[in-house]
């Protein structure tokens, strides 16, 4: 695997004898090769939820319960909840787009890792986020391709305990 993706990045896909390990580039190539159904995200929605993964990692790795990292994550999730309330059920409306397909696995990792290592869950008050996660996690394509929970925990353990 490290021969085709030296940095260990996933996802990685082979197109025309070339390995590509950048999600955005992969989506662009797929859009070009298979334009229907389109997964293009309207530009005004392309950054919705973009800080959630970074803030969740900061909170996950945090050793100081009072450093504000938990609140930063809650604030990002609240912003997503408000966005979904006005535009949902998906980020760009009724139709799933690339931004949802990118955010879904990150929310899956967030749910598993923060639940396991911090005994933390997404606040129940964020009903639109919960419905969004349920919808994404229930998609057949997600169910068939998601990592097993124990593999997610095993993969994150060295980073959390570092």
Protein backbone atom coordinates (compact mmCIF):
# COMPACT_ATOMS: atom_id res chain seq x y z
CA UNK A 1 0.00 0.00 0.00
CA UNK A 2 2.77 2.46 0.91
CA UNK A 3 4.32 1.91 -2.53
CA UNK A 4 1.19 3.35 -4.17
CA UNK A 5 0.43 5.90 -1.45
CA UNK A 6 3.75 6.77 0.26
CA UNK A 7 2.07 9.02 2.84
CA UNK A 8 -0.52 6.32 3.62
CA UNK A 9 -3.34 8.58 2.44
CA UNK A 10 -6.78 7.19 1.69
CA UNK A 11 -8.79 7.05 -0.41
CA UNK A 12 -6.55 6.02 -3.26
CA UNK A 13 -7.80 5.04 -6.71
CA UNK A 14 -6.04 3.98 -9.88
CA UNK A 15 -7.06 5.89 -13.01
CA UNK A 16 -5.37 5.14 -16.33
CA UNK A 17 -2.34 3.45 -14.70
CA UNK A 18 -1.85 6.35 -12.25
CA UNK A 19 -2.62 6.20 -8.53
CA UNK A 20 -4.46 9.22 -7.14
CA UNK A 21 -4.65 9.79 -3.36
CA UNK A 22 -6.46 13.14 -3.17
CA UNK A 23 -10.21 13.06 -2.50
CA UNK A 24 -10.96 16.27 -4.40
CA UNK A 25 -8.97 15.16 -7.44
CA UNK A 26 -10.65 11.74 -7.33
CA UNK A 27 -14.12 13.33 -7.27
CA UNK A 28 -13.15 15.58 -10.20
CA UNK A 29 -11.97 12.61 -12.26
CA UNK A 30 -15.12 10.64 -11.43
CA UNK A 31 -17.28 13.65 -12.40
CA UNK A 32 -15.47 13.85 -15.76
CA UNK A 33 -15.76 10.11 -16.46
CA UNK A 34 -19.30 9.68 -15.08
CA UNK A 35 -21.16 13.01 -15.24
CA UNK A 36 -24.53 11.52 -14.24
CA UNK A 37 -25.61 11.61 -11.54
CA UNK A 38 -23.56 14.68 -10.79
CA UNK A 39 -21.95 14.92 -7.37
CA UNK A 40 -20.72 18.48 -7.88
CA UNK A 41 -21.24 20.68 -4.88
CA UNK A 42 -22.38 24.26 -5.61
CA UNK A 43 -19.41 26.53 -4.75
CA UNK A 44 -21.34 28.38 -2.05
CA UNK A 45 -21.69 25.11 -0.09
CA UNK A 46 -18.28 23.56 -0.73
CA UNK A 47 -16.79 24.68 2.62
CA UNK A 48 -19.73 23.84 4.87
CA UNK A 49 -18.47 21.61 7.68
CA UNK A 50 -14.86 21.93 6.55
CA UNK A 51 -13.52 22.72 10.05
CA UNK A 52 -15.30 19.88 11.84
CA UNK A 53 -12.65 17.22 11.25
CA UNK A 54 -9.76 19.45 12.32
CA UNK A 55 -11.52 20.58 15.49
CA UNK A 56 -12.49 16.99 16.31
CA UNK A 57 -8.86 15.88 16.00
CA UNK A 58 -7.72 18.74 18.25
CA UNK A 59 -10.29 17.73 20.85
CA UNK A 60 -9.46 14.03 20.45
CA UNK A 61 -5.74 14.62 21.07
CA UNK A 62 -6.30 17.16 23.84
CA UNK A 63 -5.01 16.27 27.27
CA UNK A 64 -6.43 19.47 28.83
CA UNK A 65 -10.20 19.39 29.39
CA UNK A 66 -10.26 23.19 29.77
CA UNK A 67 -8.45 24.23 26.58
CA UNK A 68 -11.64 25.03 24.65
CA UNK A 69 -11.23 22.31 22.02
CA UNK A 70 -14.49 20.62 22.97
CA UNK A 71 -16.40 23.90 22.69
CA UNK A 72 -14.72 24.63 19.33
CA UNK A 73 -16.04 21.32 18.03
CA UNK A 74 -19.51 21.94 19.44
CA UNK A 75 -19.53 25.37 17.77
CA UNK A 76 -18.63 23.84 14.39
CA UNK A 77 -21.34 21.19 14.80
CA UNK A 78 -23.86 23.89 15.78
CA UNK A 79 -22.98 25.81 12.60
CA UNK A 80 -23.56 22.63 10.57
CA UNK A 81 -26.85 22.06 12.39
CA UNK A 82 -28.02 25.59 11.54
CA UNK A 83 -26.97 25.16 7.92
CA UNK A 84 -28.82 21.85 7.60
CA UNK A 85 -31.89 23.37 9.26
CA UNK A 86 -32.06 25.97 6.49
CA UNK A 87 -30.78 23.99 3.52
CA UNK A 88 -30.99 20.26 4.31
CA UNK A 89 -31.38 17.39 4.47
CA UNK A 90 -27.97 17.41 2.74
CA UNK A 91 -25.51 20.30 2.65
CA UNK A 92 -26.63 21.50 -0.77
CA UNK A 93 -30.30 20.60 -0.32
CA UNK A 94 -32.26 17.54 -1.38
CA UNK A 95 -29.44 15.96 -3.37
CA UNK A 96 -26.28 14.43 -1.96
CA UNK A 97 -23.08 15.97 -3.32
CA UNK A 98 -19.33 15.50 -2.99
CA UNK A 99 -19.16 17.64 0.16
CA UNK A 100 -21.52 15.20 1.91
CA UNK A 101 -19.51 12.22 0.69
CA UNK A 102 -16.38 13.83 2.12
CA UNK A 103 -17.90 14.88 5.43
CA UNK A 104 -19.75 11.62 6.12
CA UNK A 105 -16.67 9.47 6.79
CA UNK A 106 -15.17 12.23 8.93
CA UNK A 107 -18.31 12.33 11.08
CA UNK A 108 -18.18 8.54 11.30
CA UNK A 109 -14.59 8.70 12.59
CA UNK A 110 -15.55 11.54 14.94
CA UNK A 111 -18.43 9.52 16.39
CA UNK A 112 -16.35 6.39 16.93
CA UNK A 113 -13.10 7.94 18.17
CA UNK A 114 -14.60 10.56 20.48
CA UNK A 115 -17.04 7.99 21.83
CA UNK A 116 -14.26 5.50 22.49
CA UNK A 117 -11.42 7.72 23.70
CA UNK A 118 -13.36 10.60 25.31
CA UNK A 119 -16.76 9.01 26.10
CA UNK A 120 -18.20 11.96 24.13
CA UNK A 121 -21.17 12.13 21.78
CA UNK A 122 -22.65 14.75 19.48
CA UNK A 123 -25.09 16.76 21.64
CA UNK A 124 -28.67 15.49 21.29
CA UNK A 125 -29.86 19.06 20.74
CA UNK A 126 -28.21 19.03 17.30
CA UNK A 127 -31.10 17.14 15.71
CA UNK A 128 -30.29 18.14 12.13
CA UNK A 129 -26.71 16.86 12.52
CA UNK A 130 -28.01 13.61 14.01
CA UNK A 131 -30.49 13.17 11.14
CA UNK A 132 -27.74 13.99 8.64
CA UNK A 133 -25.39 11.42 10.13
CA UNK A 134 -28.15 8.80 10.21
CA UNK A 135 -28.95 9.50 6.56
CA UNK A 136 -25.30 9.36 5.40
CA UNK A 137 -24.40 6.34 7.55
CA UNK A 138 -27.47 4.47 6.30
CA UNK A 139 -26.68 4.84 2.60
CA UNK A 140 -25.94 1.51 0.95
CA UNK A 141 -22.66 2.84 -0.50
CA UNK A 142 -21.55 3.94 2.98
CA UNK A 143 -22.58 0.72 4.68
CA UNK A 144 -20.70 -1.36 2.10
CA UNK A 145 -17.47 0.65 2.29
CA UNK A 146 -17.12 1.88 5.88
CA UNK A 147 -14.28 0.72 8.07
CA UNK A 148 -15.15 -1.53 10.99
CA UNK A 149 -15.33 0.37 14.29
CA UNK A 150 -12.48 -1.64 15.78
CA UNK A 151 -10.25 -0.73 12.81
CA UNK A 152 -11.06 2.97 13.23
CA UNK A 153 -10.15 2.78 16.93
CA UNK A 154 -6.99 0.79 16.20
CA UNK A 155 -5.97 3.26 13.51
CA UNK A 156 -6.44 6.30 15.74
CA UNK A 157 -4.99 4.85 18.96
CA UNK A 158 -1.33 5.69 18.16
CA UNK A 159 -2.27 9.30 17.32
CA UNK A 160 -4.38 9.76 20.45
CA UNK A 161 -1.79 8.23 22.75
CA UNK A 162 1.16 10.04 21.18
